[in-house]
PDB file of N, CA and C in Angstrom:
ATOM      1  N   MET A   1      93.443 117.249 107.997  1.00  0.00           N
ATOM      2  CA  MET A   1      93.494 117.634 109.393  1.00  0.00           C
ATOM      3  C   MET A   1      94.212 118.974 109.524  1.00  0.00           C
ATOM      4  N   ALA A   2      94.006 119.604 110.656  1.00  0.00           N
ATOM      5  CA  ALA A   2      94.564 120.926 110.903  1.00  0.00           C
ATOM      6  C   ALA A   2      96.088 120.892 111.013  1.00  0.00           C
ATOM      7  N   LYS A   3      96.697 122.016 110.626  1.00  0.00           N
ATOM      8  CA  LYS A   3      98.145 122.165 110.707  1.00  0.00           C
ATOM      9  C   LYS A   3      98.465 122.931 111.990  1.00  0.00           C
ATOM     10  N   VAL A   4      99.274 122.292 112.865  1.00  0.00           N
ATOM     11  CA  VAL A   4      99.587 122.875 114.162  1.00  0.00           C
ATOM     12  C   VAL A   4     101.094 123.085 114.276  1.00  0.00           C
ATOM     13  N   GLY A   5     101.506 124.300 114.561  1.00  0.00           N
ATOM     14  CA  GLY A   5     102.909 124.607 114.776  1.00  0.00           C
ATOM     15  C   GLY A   5     103.241 124.440 116.252  1.00  0.00           C
ATOM     16  N   VAL A   6     104.342 123.734 116.548  1.00  0.00           N
ATOM     17  CA  VAL A   6     104.732 123.488 117.935  1.00  0.00           C
ATOM     18  C   VAL A   6     106.216 123.817 118.085  1.00  0.00           C
ATOM     19  N   GLU A   7     106.570 124.555 119.143  1.00  0.00           N
ATOM     20  CA  GLU A   7     107.975 124.882 119.388  1.00  0.00           C
ATOM     21  C   GLU A   7     108.804 123.615 119.498  1.00  0.00           C
ATOM     22  N   GLN A   8     110.062 123.706 119.060  1.00  0.00           N
ATOM     23  CA  GLN A   8     110.978 122.566 119.016  1.00  0.00           C
ATOM     24  C   GLN A   8     111.092 121.815 120.331  1.00  0.00           C
ATOM     25  N   SER A   9     111.148 122.520 121.438  1.00  0.00           N
ATOM     26  CA  SER A   9     111.399 121.890 122.737  1.00  0.00           C
ATOM     27  C   SER A   9     110.212 121.091 123.265  1.00  0.00           C
ATOM     28  N   LEU A  10     109.053 121.242 122.656  1.00  0.00           N
ATOM     29  CA  LEU A  10     107.839 120.564 123.131  1.00  0.00           C
ATOM     30  C   LEU A  10     107.614 119.247 122.393  1.00  0.00           C
ATOM     31  N   THR A  11     108.602 118.365 122.446  1.00  0.00           N
ATOM     32  CA  THR A  11     108.541 117.115 121.674  1.00  0.00           C
ATOM     33  C   THR A  11     107.414 116.195 122.132  1.00  0.00           C
ATOM     34  N   ASN A  12     107.115 116.175 123.439  1.00  0.00           N
ATOM     35  CA  ASN A  12     106.030 115.317 123.915  1.00  0.00           C
ATOM     36  C   ASN A  12     104.681 115.771 123.361  1.00  0.00           C
ATOM     37  N   ILE A  13     104.493 117.070 123.242  1.00  0.00           N
ATOM     38  CA  ILE A  13     103.242 117.607 122.685  1.00  0.00           C
ATOM     39  C   ILE A  13     103.179 117.328 121.189  1.00  0.00           C
ATOM     40  N   GLN A  14     104.312 117.466 120.491  1.00  0.00           N
ATOM     41  CA  GLN A  14     104.346 117.135 119.059  1.00  0.00           C
ATOM     42  C   GLN A  14     103.917 115.693 118.839  1.00  0.00           C
ATOM     43  N   GLN A  15     104.431 114.785 119.653  1.00  0.00           N
ATOM     44  CA  GLN A  15     104.129 113.369 119.502  1.00  0.00           C
ATOM     45  C   GLN A  15     102.644 113.082 119.719  1.00  0.00           C
ATOM     46  N   VAL A  16     102.065 113.647 120.769  1.00  0.00           N
ATOM     47  CA  VAL A  16     100.644 113.409 121.069  1.00  0.00           C
ATOM     48  C   VAL A  16      99.767 113.965 119.954  1.00  0.00           C
ATOM     49  N   LEU A  17     100.087 115.149 119.452  1.00  0.00           N
ATOM     50  CA  LEU A  17      99.288 115.744 118.378  1.00  0.00           C
ATOM     51  C   LEU A  17      99.384 114.914 117.095  1.00  0.00           C
ATOM     52  N   ARG A  18     100.570 114.394 116.787  1.00  0.00           N
ATOM     53  CA  ARG A  18     100.729 113.527 115.606  1.00  0.00           C
ATOM     54  C   ARG A  18      99.900 112.260 115.749  1.00  0.00           C
ATOM     55  N   GLU A  19      99.894 111.680 116.956  1.00  0.00           N
ATOM     56  CA  GLU A  19      99.102 110.474 117.215  1.00  0.00           C
ATOM     57  C   GLU A  19      97.614 110.730 117.009  1.00  0.00           C
ATOM     58  N   LYS A  20      97.189 111.960 117.261  1.00  0.00           N
ATOM     59  CA  LYS A  20      95.777 112.317 117.074  1.00  0.00           C
ATOM     60  C   LYS A  20      95.475 112.710 115.630  1.00  0.00           C
ATOM     61  N   GLY A  21      96.495 112.674 114.763  1.00  0.00           N
ATOM     62  CA  GLY A  21      96.274 112.912 113.348  1.00  0.00           C
ATOM     63  C   GLY A  21      96.523 114.322 112.854  1.00  0.00           C
ATOM     64  N   TYR A  22      97.041 115.195 113.698  1.00  0.00           N
ATOM     65  CA  TYR A  22      97.323 116.567 113.275  1.00  0.00           C
ATOM     66  C   TYR A  22      98.600 116.622 112.452  1.00  0.00           C
ATOM     67  N   ASP A  23      98.636 117.565 111.519  1.00  0.00           N
ATOM     68  CA  ASP A  23      99.837 117.850 110.738  1.00  0.00           C
ATOM     69  C   ASP A  23     100.681 118.799 111.587  1.00  0.00           C
ATOM     70  N   VAL A  24     101.757 118.273 112.202  1.00  0.00           N
ATOM     71  CA  VAL A  24     102.571 119.050 113.137  1.00  0.00           C
ATOM     72  C   VAL A  24     103.803 119.614 112.438  1.00  0.00           C
ATOM     73  N   VAL A  25     104.032 120.911 112.622  1.00  0.00           N
ATOM     74  CA  VAL A  25     105.183 121.609 112.063  1.00  0.00           C
ATOM     75  C   VAL A  25     106.014 122.131 113.224  1.00  0.00           C
ATOM     76  N   GLU A  26     107.321 121.863 113.214  1.00  0.00           N
ATOM     77  CA  GLU A  26     108.205 122.405 114.249  1.00  0.00           C
ATOM     78  C   GLU A  26     108.439 123.880 113.999  1.00  0.00           C
ATOM     79  N   LEU A  27     108.256 124.684 115.029  1.00  0.00           N
ATOM     80  CA  LEU A  27     108.485 126.128 114.918  1.00  0.00           C
ATOM     81  C   LEU A  27     109.941 126.428 115.256  1.00  0.00           C
ATOM     82  N   LYS A  28     110.740 126.625 114.216  1.00  0.00           N
ATOM     83  CA  LYS A  28     112.155 126.946 114.391  1.00  0.00           C
ATOM     84  C   LYS A  28     112.409 128.425 114.136  1.00  0.00           C
ATOM     85  N   GLN A  29     111.616 128.995 113.240  1.00  0.00           N
ATOM     86  CA  GLN A  29     111.744 130.408 112.910  1.00  0.00           C
ATOM     87  C   GLN A  29     110.364 130.963 112.617  1.00  0.00           C
ATOM     88  N   GLU A  30     110.287 132.254 112.510  1.00  0.00           N
ATOM     89  CA  GLU A  30     109.008 132.948 112.359  1.00  0.00           C
ATOM     90  C   GLU A  30     108.193 132.442 111.167  1.00  0.00           C
ATOM     91  N   SER A  31     108.847 132.177 110.058  1.00  0.00           N
ATOM     92  CA  SER A  31     108.131 131.776 108.845  1.00  0.00           C
ATOM     93  C   SER A  31     107.462 130.406 108.987  1.00  0.00           C
ATOM     94  N   ASP A  32     107.896 129.584 109.940  1.00  0.00           N
ATOM     95  CA  ASP A  32     107.282 128.271 110.139  1.00  0.00           C
ATOM     96  C   ASP A  32     105.837 128.385 110.607  1.00  0.00           C
ATOM     97  N   ALA A  33     105.474 129.487 111.233  1.00  0.00           N
ATOM     98  CA  ALA A  33     104.132 129.671 111.769  1.00  0.00           C
ATOM     99  C   ALA A  33     103.106 130.034 110.694  1.00  0.00           C
ATOM    100  N   GLN A  34     103.581 130.441 109.530  1.00  0.00           N
ATOM    101  CA  GLN A  34     102.658 130.820 108.458  1.00  0.00           C
ATOM    102  C   GLN A  34     101.837 129.611 108.030  1.00  0.00           C
ATOM    103  N   ASN A  35     100.572 129.836 107.766  1.00  0.00           N
ATOM    104  CA  ASN A  35      99.623 128.824 107.321  1.00  0.00           C
ATOM    105  C   ASN A  35      99.279 127.789 108.390  1.00  0.00           C
ATOM    106  N   CYS A  36      99.673 128.008 109.642  1.00  0.00           N
ATOM    107  CA  CYS A  36      99.282 127.107 110.726  1.00  0.00           C
ATOM    108  C   CYS A  36      97.909 127.542 111.254  1.00  0.00           C
ATOM    109  N   ASP A  37      97.070 126.567 111.556  1.00  0.00           N
ATOM    110  CA  ASP A  37      95.750 126.861 112.117  1.00  0.00           C
ATOM    111  C   ASP A  37      95.849 127.208 113.600  1.00  0.00           C
ATOM    112  N   CYS A  38      96.923 126.746 114.227  1.00  0.00           N
ATOM    113  CA  CYS A  38      97.117 126.945 115.656  1.00  0.00           C
ATOM    114  C   CYS A  38      98.608 126.781 115.950  1.00  0.00           C
ATOM    115  N   CYS A  39      99.129 127.477 116.955  1.00  0.00           N
ATOM    116  CA  CYS A  39     100.528 127.343 117.355  1.00  0.00           C
ATOM    117  C   CYS A  39     100.612 127.107 118.848  1.00  0.00           C
ATOM    118  N   VAL A  40     101.537 126.229 119.254  1.00  0.00           N
ATOM    119  CA  VAL A  40     101.766 125.940 120.667  1.00  0.00           C
ATOM    120  C   VAL A  40     103.178 126.397 121.003  1.00  0.00           C
ATOM    121  N   VAL A  41     103.291 127.261 122.006  1.00  0.00           N
ATOM    122  CA  VAL A  41     104.583 127.821 122.387  1.00  0.00           C
ATOM    123  C   VAL A  41     104.827 127.596 123.877  1.00  0.00           C
ATOM    124  N   THR A  42     106.097 127.700 124.288  1.00  0.00           N
ATOM    125  CA  THR A  42     106.440 127.514 125.698  1.00  0.00           C
ATOM    126  C   THR A  42     106.103 128.747 126.523  1.00  0.00           C
ATOM    127  N   GLY A  43     106.124 129.902 125.900  1.00  0.00           N
ATOM    128  CA  GLY A  43     105.860 131.142 126.614  1.00  0.00           C
ATOM    129  C   GLY A  43     107.082 131.682 127.331  1.00  0.00           C
ATOM    130  N   LEU A  44     108.206 130.962 127.256  1.00  0.00           N
ATOM    131  CA  LEU A  44     109.409 131.387 127.971  1.00  0.00           C
ATOM    132  C   LEU A  44     110.000 132.671 127.410  1.00  0.00           C
ATOM    133  N   ASP A  45     109.888 132.871 126.104  1.00  0.00           N
ATOM    134  CA  ASP A  45     110.430 134.095 125.508  1.00  0.00           C
ATOM    135  C   ASP A  45     109.300 134.955 124.949  1.00  0.00           C
ATOM    136  N   SER A  46     108.192 134.942 125.636  1.00  0.00           N
ATOM    137  CA  SER A  46     106.995 135.653 125.198  1.00  0.00           C
ATOM    138  C   SER A  46     107.204 137.164 125.180  1.00  0.00           C
ATOM    139  N   ASN A  47     107.162 137.729 123.986  1.00  0.00           N
ATOM    140  CA  ASN A  47     107.194 139.174 123.782  1.00  0.00           C
ATOM    141  C   ASN A  47     108.356 139.863 124.497  1.00  0.00           C
ATOM    142  N   VAL A  48     109.532 139.296 124.380  1.00  0.00           N
ATOM    143  CA  VAL A  48     110.724 139.864 125.010  1.00  0.00           C
ATOM    144  C   VAL A  48     110.998 141.275 124.505  1.00  0.00           C
ATOM    145  N   MET A  49     110.773 141.493 123.220  1.00  0.00           N
ATOM    146  CA  MET A  49     111.071 142.788 122.616  1.00  0.00           C
ATOM    147  C   MET A  49     109.926 143.793 122.742  1.00  0.00           C
ATOM    148  N   GLY A  50     108.769 143.359 123.228  1.00  0.00           N
ATOM    149  CA  GLY A  50     107.640 144.259 123.363  1.00  0.00           C
ATOM    150  C   GLY A  50     106.990 144.592 122.031  1.00  0.00           C
ATOM    151  N   MET A  51     107.147 143.722 121.043  1.00  0.00           N
ATOM    152  CA  MET A  51     106.579 143.944 119.713  1.00  0.00           C
ATOM    153  C   MET A  51     105.264 143.180 119.588  1.00  0.00           C
ATOM    154  N   SER A  52     104.380 143.651 118.730  1.00  0.00           N
ATOM    155  CA  SER A  52     103.089 142.993 118.582  1.00  0.00           C
ATOM    156  C   SER A  52     102.817 142.511 117.163  1.00  0.00           C
ATOM    157  N   ASP A  53     103.873 142.285 116.374  1.00  0.00           N
ATOM    158  CA  ASP A  53     103.702 141.735 115.031  1.00  0.00           C
ATOM    159  C   ASP A  53     103.304 140.274 115.145  1.00  0.00           C
ATOM    160  N   THR A  54     102.471 139.811 114.223  1.00  0.00           N
ATOM    161  CA  THR A  54     102.078 138.408 114.243  1.00  0.00           C
ATOM    162  C   THR A  54     102.430 137.756 112.913  1.00  0.00           C
ATOM    163  N   SER A  55     102.736 136.455 112.982  1.00  0.00           N
ATOM    164  CA  SER A  55     103.093 135.707 111.783  1.00  0.00           C
ATOM    165  C   SER A  55     102.005 134.742 111.382  1.00  0.00           C
ATOM    166  N   THR A  56     100.984 134.605 112.193  1.00  0.00           N
ATOM    167  CA  THR A  56      99.926 133.654 111.917  1.00  0.00           C
ATOM    168  C   THR A  56      98.578 134.243 112.293  1.00  0.00           C
ATOM    169  N   LYS A  57      97.558 133.808 111.607  1.00  0.00           N
ATOM    170  CA  LYS A  57      96.199 134.240 111.911  1.00  0.00           C
ATOM    171  C   LYS A  57      95.550 133.284 112.911  1.00  0.00           C
ATOM    172  N   GLY A  58      96.188 132.109 113.128  1.00  0.00           N
ATOM    173  CA  GLY A  58      95.645 131.091 114.017  1.00  0.00           C
ATOM    174  C   GLY A  58      95.841 131.424 115.488  1.00  0.00           C
ATOM    175  N   SER A  59      95.211 130.626 116.338  1.00  0.00           N
ATOM    176  CA  SER A  59      95.330 130.777 117.782  1.00  0.00           C
ATOM    177  C   SER A  59      96.735 130.425 118.243  1.00  0.00           C
ATOM    178  N   VAL A  60      97.157 131.054 119.329  1.00  0.00           N
ATOM    179  CA  VAL A  60      98.440 130.737 119.942  1.00  0.00           C
ATOM    180  C   VAL A  60      98.160 130.235 121.353  1.00  0.00           C
ATOM    181  N   ILE A  61      98.673 129.045 121.668  1.00  0.00           N
ATOM    182  CA  ILE A  61      98.459 128.439 122.977  1.00  0.00           C
ATOM    183  C   ILE A  61      99.775 128.436 123.735  1.00  0.00           C
ATOM    184  N   ASP A  62      99.763 128.985 124.932  1.00  0.00           N
ATOM    185  CA  ASP A  62     100.937 128.991 125.809  1.00  0.00           C
ATOM    186  C   ASP A  62     100.890 127.710 126.637  1.00  0.00           C
ATOM    187  N   ALA A  63     101.811 126.784 126.393  1.00  0.00           N
ATOM    188  CA  ALA A  63     101.806 125.473 127.036  1.00  0.00           C
ATOM    189  C   ALA A  63     102.446 125.479 128.417  1.00  0.00           C
ATOM    190  N   ASN A  64     102.875 126.622 128.881  1.00  0.00           N
ATOM    191  CA  ASN A  64     103.557 126.715 130.173  1.00  0.00           C
ATOM    192  C   ASN A  64     102.669 126.176 131.298  1.00  0.00           C
ATOM    193  N   GLY A  65     103.159 125.141 132.006  1.00  0.00           N
ATOM    194  CA  GLY A  65     102.419 124.565 133.125  1.00  0.00           C
ATOM    195  C   GLY A  65     101.319 123.592 132.746  1.00  0.00           C
ATOM    196  N   MET A  66     101.202 123.255 131.467  1.00  0.00           N
ATOM    197  CA  MET A  66     100.143 122.355 131.008  1.00  0.00           C
ATOM    198  C   MET A  66     100.733 121.012 130.593  1.00  0.00           C
ATOM    199  N   SER A  67      99.951 119.941 130.790  1.00  0.00           N
ATOM    200  CA  SER A  67     100.372 118.621 130.315  1.00  0.00           C
ATOM    201  C   SER A  67     100.089 118.528 128.818  1.00  0.00           C
ATOM    202  N   ALA A  68     100.638 117.506 128.172  1.00  0.00           N
ATOM    203  CA  ALA A  68     100.411 117.311 126.737  1.00  0.00           C
ATOM    204  C   ALA A  68      98.920 117.114 126.453  1.00  0.00           C
ATOM    205  N   ASP A  69      98.222 116.382 127.322  1.00  0.00           N
ATOM    206  CA  ASP A  69      96.785 116.162 127.130  1.00  0.00           C
ATOM    207  C   ASP A  69      95.995 117.456 127.264  1.00  0.00           C
ATOM    208  N   GLU A  70      96.379 118.298 128.209  1.00  0.00           N
ATOM    209  CA  GLU A  70      95.700 119.586 128.373  1.00  0.00           C
ATOM    210  C   GLU A  70      95.898 120.455 127.135  1.00  0.00           C
ATOM    211  N   VAL A  71      97.112 120.442 126.600  1.00  0.00           N
ATOM    212  CA  VAL A  71      97.390 121.220 125.386  1.00  0.00           C
ATOM    213  C   VAL A  71      96.553 120.689 124.229  1.00  0.00           C
ATOM    214  N   CYS A  72      96.462 119.370 124.086  1.00  0.00           N
ATOM    215  CA  CYS A  72      95.650 118.778 123.015  1.00  0.00           C
ATOM    216  C   CYS A  72      94.190 119.192 123.121  1.00  0.00           C
ATOM    217  N   ARG A  73      93.669 119.219 124.343  1.00  0.00           N
ATOM    218  CA  ARG A  73      92.279 119.658 124.532  1.00  0.00           C
ATOM    219  C   ARG A  73      92.114 121.115 124.120  1.00  0.00           C
ATOM    220  N   GLN A  74      93.107 121.947 124.446  1.00  0.00           N
ATOM    221  CA  GLN A  74      93.071 123.360 124.036  1.00  0.00           C
ATOM    222  C   GLN A  74      93.081 123.485 122.522  1.00  0.00           C
ATOM    223  N   VAL A  75      93.948 122.721 121.869  1.00  0.00           N
ATOM    224  CA  VAL A  75      94.040 122.742 120.395  1.00  0.00           C
ATOM    225  C   VAL A  75      92.696 122.329 119.797  1.00  0.00           C
ATOM    226  N   GLU A  76      92.133 121.226 120.284  1.00  0.00           N
ATOM    227  CA  GLU A  76      90.854 120.737 119.759  1.00  0.00           C
ATOM    228  C   GLU A  76      89.736 121.765 119.946  1.00  0.00           C
ATOM    229  N   SER A  77      89.688 122.424 121.116  1.00  0.00           N
ATOM    230  CA  SER A  77      88.616 123.394 121.356  1.00  0.00           C
ATOM    231  C   SER A  77      88.777 124.637 120.496  1.00  0.00           C
ATOM    232  N   ARG A  78      90.012 125.046 120.223  1.00  0.00           N
ATOM    233  CA  ARG A  78      90.234 126.253 119.414  1.00  0.00           C
ATOM    234  C   ARG A  78      90.000 126.009 117.922  1.00  0.00           C
ATOM    235  N   LEU A  79      90.115 124.754 117.493  1.00  0.00           N
ATOM    236  CA  LEU A  79      89.963 124.467 116.068  1.00  0.00           C
ATOM    237  C   LEU A  79      88.540 124.058 115.687  1.00  0.00           C
ATOM    238  N   GLN A  80      87.641 124.041 116.637  1.00  0.00           N
ATOM    239  CA  GLN A  80      86.243 123.672 116.332  1.00  0.00           C
ATOM    240  C   GLN A  80      85.490 124.837 115.765  1.00  0.00           C
TER     241      GLN A  80
END
């Protein structure tokens, strides 16, 4: 199954993705995003420094304002 990186604070989303069989990795630092097929972030500290370096080739989903089910649907659609 796909490897999905999820920010630490999004525990409800981590739980739902694990239940669906995804390999969930907590994003604590930049290197955690490497080799992830998709990453889910809160968007709260989005591009604070104005830099455009990326640590992953996978999709990045901003979970701000979305339910755990909505995020799961986004993950599933991006990984197809």
